[in-house]
Amino acid sequence: MAMQPLSSEKSWLALIVDDHPYMRGLIRTMLQQIGIKHAEEFENGEACLKRIQIKEAAVPDLIILDWHMQGMDGYTFCNTVRLDKDLRAKAIPIIMVTGEKDRMLLEQAWDMGVKAVLNKPVSLPKLKEAVYHVIGVSAPAEIRKPGE
């Protein structure tokens, strides 16, 4: 059964964090096809962290995050967000998008509260499945965990 686009009744917001502009644009395009029309792009975790610390800014529905970036990488970003007791973004679902294959590093991502890990290059069906899973729209069919 094909998954339908997300309801247009809600204004979904995603933050895309990747140091490659092409990858950010690709993910943005795929998110639009899924039904997430609003996305903000950041080239590293530090820039995204500054954004989510702005109290007046809208709280995103999810964060799509690369592991390896210049400046604050995905690991440090997740660790900072999940351990900050005052940060309102603490519970926002995070999808890690990475070419990383090291099982121990991927386990660390899960331990830090990453809700899904997708291999690069990302396909529309896999991204859609992961997004639906982390925002609670449908059950996951194939979300990779370390060792699978």
C-alpha atoms as a PDB file:
ATOM      1  CA  MET A   1       0.000   0.000   0.000  1.00  0.00           C
ATOM      2  CA  ALA A   2       1.417   3.376  -1.029  1.00  0.00           C
ATOM      3  CA  MET A   3       1.789   6.047   1.618  1.00  0.00           C
ATOM      4  CA  GLN A   4      -0.144   9.239   0.934  1.00  0.00           C
ATOM      5  CA  PRO A   5       1.440  12.691   1.303  1.00  0.00           C
ATOM      6  CA  LEU A   6       1.220  14.228   4.746  1.00  0.00           C
ATOM      7  CA  SER A   7      -1.884  16.210   5.553  1.00  0.00           C
ATOM      8  CA  SER A   8      -1.798  19.777   4.298  1.00  0.00           C
ATOM      9  CA  GLU A   9      -3.875  20.788   7.320  1.00  0.00           C
ATOM     10  CA  LYS A  10      -0.654  21.025   9.352  1.00  0.00           C
ATOM     11  CA  SER A  11       2.264  23.202   8.361  1.00  0.00           C
ATOM     12  CA  TRP A  12       5.118  20.716   8.791  1.00  0.00           C
ATOM     13  CA  LEU A  13       8.619  22.101   9.383  1.00  0.00           C
ATOM     14  CA  ALA A  14      11.905  20.234   8.946  1.00  0.00           C
ATOM     15  CA  LEU A  15      15.456  21.376   9.622  1.00  0.00           C
ATOM     16  CA  ILE A  16      18.022  19.956   7.187  1.00  0.00           C
ATOM     17  CA  VAL A  17      21.612  19.890   8.419  1.00  0.00           C
ATOM     18  CA  ASP A  18      24.304  18.867   5.924  1.00  0.00           C
ATOM     19  CA  ASP A  19      27.550  20.479   4.838  1.00  0.00           C
ATOM     20  CA  HIS A  20      26.861  19.791   1.150  1.00  0.00           C
ATOM     21  CA  PRO A  21      24.434  22.263  -0.478  1.00  0.00           C
ATOM     22  CA  TYR A  22      23.465  19.700  -3.120  1.00  0.00           C
ATOM     23  CA  MET A  23      22.439  17.173  -0.468  1.00  0.00           C
ATOM     24  CA  ARG A  24      20.413  19.780   1.423  1.00  0.00           C
ATOM     25  CA  GLY A  25      18.610  20.722  -1.795  1.00  0.00           C
ATOM     26  CA  LEU A  26      17.950  17.084  -2.671  1.00  0.00           C
ATOM     27  CA  ILE A  27      16.477  16.360   0.759  1.00  0.00           C
ATOM     28  CA  ARG A  28      14.383  19.550   0.591  1.00  0.00           C
ATOM     29  CA  THR A  29      12.954  18.474  -2.779  1.00  0.00           C
ATOM     30  CA  MET A  30      12.122  15.009  -1.452  1.00  0.00           C
ATOM     31  CA  LEU A  31      10.489  16.490   1.654  1.00  0.00           C
ATOM     32  CA  GLN A  32       8.286  18.662  -0.560  1.00  0.00           C
ATOM     33  CA  GLN A  33       7.185  15.537  -2.440  1.00  0.00           C
ATOM     34  CA  ILE A  34       6.322  13.904   0.895  1.00  0.00           C
ATOM     35  CA  GLY A  35       4.234  16.914   1.950  1.00  0.00           C
ATOM     36  CA  ILE A  36       6.674  18.902   4.100  1.00  0.00           C
ATOM     37  CA  LYS A  37       6.666  22.259   2.358  1.00  0.00           C
ATOM     38  CA  HIS A  38       8.656  24.189   4.947  1.00  0.00           C
ATOM     39  CA  ALA A  39      12.319  23.385   5.503  1.00  0.00           C
ATOM     40  CA  GLU A  40      15.272  25.375   6.755  1.00  0.00           C
ATOM     41  CA  GLU A  41      18.816  24.440   5.747  1.00  0.00           C
ATOM     42  CA  PHE A  42      22.021  24.588   7.788  1.00  0.00           C
ATOM     43  CA  GLU A  43      25.593  23.685   6.849  1.00  0.00           C
ATOM     44  CA  ASN A  44      26.558  22.334  10.280  1.00  0.00           C
ATOM     45  CA  GLY A  45      25.191  21.472  13.684  1.00  0.00           C
ATOM     46  CA  GLU A  46      26.280  24.737  15.275  1.00  0.00           C
ATOM     47  CA  ALA A  47      24.184  26.824  12.871  1.00  0.00           C
ATOM     48  CA  CYS A  48      21.149  24.595  13.466  1.00  0.00           C
ATOM     49  CA  LEU A  49      21.658  24.675  17.227  1.00  0.00           C
ATOM     50  CA  LYS A  50      21.629  28.484  17.158  1.00  0.00           C
ATOM     51  CA  ARG A  51      18.347  28.340  15.234  1.00  0.00           C
ATOM     52  CA  ILE A  52      16.585  26.013  17.671  1.00  0.00           C
ATOM     53  CA  GLN A  53      17.730  28.130  20.603  1.00  0.00           C
ATOM     54  CA  ILE A  54      15.696  31.091  19.311  1.00  0.00           C
ATOM     55  CA  LYS A  55      12.664  31.026  21.581  1.00  0.00           C
ATOM     56  CA  GLU A  56      10.459  32.981  19.147  1.00  0.00           C
ATOM     57  CA  ALA A  57      11.151  30.612  16.231  1.00  0.00           C
ATOM     58  CA  ALA A  58       8.800  27.780  15.332  1.00  0.00           C
ATOM     59  CA  VAL A  59       9.699  24.396  16.805  1.00  0.00           C
ATOM     60  CA  PRO A  60      10.455  21.979  13.946  1.00  0.00           C
ATOM     61  CA  ASP A  61       8.637  18.675  13.539  1.00  0.00           C
ATOM     62  CA  LEU A  62      11.855  16.846  12.684  1.00  0.00           C
ATOM     63  CA  ILE A  63      15.548  17.306  12.021  1.00  0.00           C
ATOM     64  CA  ILE A  64      17.385  15.538   9.210  1.00  0.00           C
ATOM     65  CA  LEU A  65      21.050  15.480  10.051  1.00  0.00           C
ATOM     66  CA  ASP A  66      24.308  14.407   8.409  1.00  0.00           C
ATOM     67  CA  TRP A  67      26.874  12.662  10.622  1.00  0.00           C
ATOM     68  CA  HIS A  68      30.126  14.046   9.206  1.00  0.00           C
ATOM     69  CA  MET A  69      30.293  17.835   8.813  1.00  0.00           C
ATOM     70  CA  GLN A  70      32.793  20.615   9.339  1.00  0.00           C
ATOM     71  CA  GLY A  71      32.313  22.512  12.577  1.00  0.00           C
ATOM     72  CA  MET A  72      29.777  20.817  14.832  1.00  0.00           C
ATOM     73  CA  ASP A  73      29.147  17.344  13.419  1.00  0.00           C
ATOM     74  CA  GLY A  74      26.012  15.229  13.784  1.00  0.00           C
ATOM     75  CA  TYR A  75      27.290  13.332  16.813  1.00  0.00           C
ATOM     76  CA  THR A  76      28.095  16.492  18.758  1.00  0.00           C
ATOM     77  CA  PHE A  77      24.823  18.114  17.700  1.00  0.00           C
ATOM     78  CA  CYS A  78      22.737  15.144  18.902  1.00  0.00           C
ATOM     79  CA  ASN A  79      24.653  14.923  22.137  1.00  0.00           C
ATOM     80  CA  THR A  80      24.216  18.650  22.795  1.00  0.00           C
ATOM     81  CA  VAL A  81      20.502  18.654  21.995  1.00  0.00           C
ATOM     82  CA  ARG A  82      19.618  15.514  23.926  1.00  0.00           C
ATOM     83  CA  LEU A  83      21.585  16.419  27.061  1.00  0.00           C
ATOM     84  CA  ASP A  84      20.489  20.072  27.339  1.00  0.00           C
ATOM     85  CA  LYS A  85      17.735  20.121  29.965  1.00  0.00           C
ATOM     86  CA  ASP A  86      16.595  23.612  28.945  1.00  0.00           C
ATOM     87  CA  LEU A  87      16.561  23.184  25.184  1.00  0.00           C
ATOM     88  CA  ARG A  88      13.030  22.916  23.814  1.00  0.00           C
ATOM     89  CA  ALA A  89      14.254  20.846  20.871  1.00  0.00           C
ATOM     90  CA  LYS A  90      15.228  17.953  23.123  1.00  0.00           C
ATOM     91  CA  ALA A  91      12.274  15.805  22.000  1.00  0.00           C
ATOM     92  CA  ILE A  92      12.318  16.649  18.280  1.00  0.00           C
ATOM     93  CA  PRO A  93      12.781  13.460  16.233  1.00  0.00           C
ATOM     94  CA  ILE A  94      16.122  13.239  14.448  1.00  0.00           C
ATOM     95  CA  ILE A  95      16.829  11.255  11.283  1.00  0.00           C
ATOM     96  CA  MET A  96      20.539  10.661  10.679  1.00  0.00           C
ATOM     97  CA  VAL A  97      21.557  10.564   7.019  1.00  0.00           C
ATOM     98  CA  THR A  98      25.053   9.197   6.600  1.00  0.00           C
ATOM     99  CA  GLY A  99      27.542   7.181   4.628  1.00  0.00           C
ATOM    100  CA  GLU A 100      28.972   5.942   7.937  1.00  0.00           C
ATOM    101  CA  LYS A 101      29.299   2.158   8.206  1.00  0.00           C
ATOM    102  CA  ASP A 102      31.022   1.819  11.596  1.00  0.00           C
ATOM    103  CA  ARG A 103      28.593  -0.128  13.768  1.00  0.00           C
ATOM    104  CA  MET A 104      29.832   1.361  17.043  1.00  0.00           C
ATOM    105  CA  LEU A 105      29.321   4.912  15.777  1.00  0.00           C
ATOM    106  CA  LEU A 106      25.838   4.073  14.528  1.00  0.00           C
ATOM    107  CA  GLU A 107      24.973   2.535  17.900  1.00  0.00           C
ATOM    108  CA  GLN A 108      26.052   5.806  19.506  1.00  0.00           C
ATOM    109  CA  ALA A 109      23.590   7.635  17.264  1.00  0.00           C
ATOM    110  CA  TRP A 110      20.745   5.386  18.424  1.00  0.00           C
ATOM    111  CA  ASP A 111      21.855   5.788  22.042  1.00  0.00           C
ATOM    112  CA  MET A 112      21.683   9.583  21.637  1.00  0.00           C
ATOM    113  CA  GLY A 113      18.066   9.404  20.551  1.00  0.00           C
ATOM    114  CA  VAL A 114      18.302   9.302  16.768  1.00  0.00           C
ATOM    115  CA  LYS A 115      15.008   7.799  15.586  1.00  0.00           C
ATOM    116  CA  ALA A 116      16.162   6.541  12.163  1.00  0.00           C
ATOM    117  CA  VAL A 117      19.428   6.129  10.271  1.00  0.00           C
ATOM    118  CA  LEU A 118      19.435   6.268   6.475  1.00  0.00           C
ATOM    119  CA  ASN A 119      22.350   5.429   4.197  1.00  0.00           C
ATOM    120  CA  LYS A 120      23.500   7.907   1.582  1.00  0.00           C
ATOM    121  CA  PRO A 121      22.489   8.194  -1.153  1.00  0.00           C
ATOM    122  CA  VAL A 122      18.979   8.613   0.217  1.00  0.00           C
ATOM    123  CA  SER A 123      16.012   7.497  -1.852  1.00  0.00           C
ATOM    124  CA  LEU A 124      12.562   9.073  -1.721  1.00  0.00           C
ATOM    125  CA  PRO A 125      10.843   5.861  -0.526  1.00  0.00           C
ATOM    126  CA  LYS A 126      13.344   5.383   2.333  1.00  0.00           C
ATOM    127  CA  LEU A 127      13.172   9.018   3.411  1.00  0.00           C
ATOM    128  CA  LYS A 128       9.375   8.975   3.277  1.00  0.00           C
ATOM    129  CA  GLU A 129       9.248   5.797   5.347  1.00  0.00           C
ATOM    130  CA  ALA A 130      11.615   7.249   7.955  1.00  0.00           C
ATOM    131  CA  VAL A 131       9.782  10.591   8.139  1.00  0.00           C
ATOM    132  CA  TYR A 132       6.407   8.911   8.549  1.00  0.00           C
ATOM    133  CA  HIS A 133       7.853   6.666  11.250  1.00  0.00           C
ATOM    134  CA  VAL A 134       9.475   9.400  13.341  1.00  0.00           C
ATOM    135  CA  ILE A 135       6.484  11.738  13.248  1.00  0.00           C
ATOM    136  CA  GLY A 136       4.105   8.882  14.022  1.00  0.00           C
ATOM    137  CA  VAL A 137       2.150   8.743  10.772  1.00  0.00           C
ATOM    138  CA  SER A 138       2.766   5.056  10.009  1.00  0.00           C
ATOM    139  CA  ALA A 139       4.667   2.054  11.276  1.00  0.00           C
ATOM    140  CA  PRO A 140       8.197   1.511   9.965  1.00  0.00           C
ATOM    141  CA  ALA A 141       8.756  -1.169   7.385  1.00  0.00           C
ATOM    142  CA  GLU A 142      12.517  -0.946   7.112  1.00  0.00           C
ATOM    143  CA  ILE A 143      14.381   1.438   9.399  1.00  0.00           C
ATOM    144  CA  ARG A 144      17.969   0.320   9.760  1.00  0.00           C
ATOM    145  CA  LYS A 145      19.432  -0.244  13.188  1.00  0.00           C
ATOM    146  CA  PRO A 146      23.082  -1.117  13.862  1.00  0.00           C
ATOM    147  CA  GLY A 147      23.901  -4.673  12.859  1.00  0.00           C
ATOM    148  CA  GLU A 148      20.939  -5.079  10.544  1.00  0.00           C
END
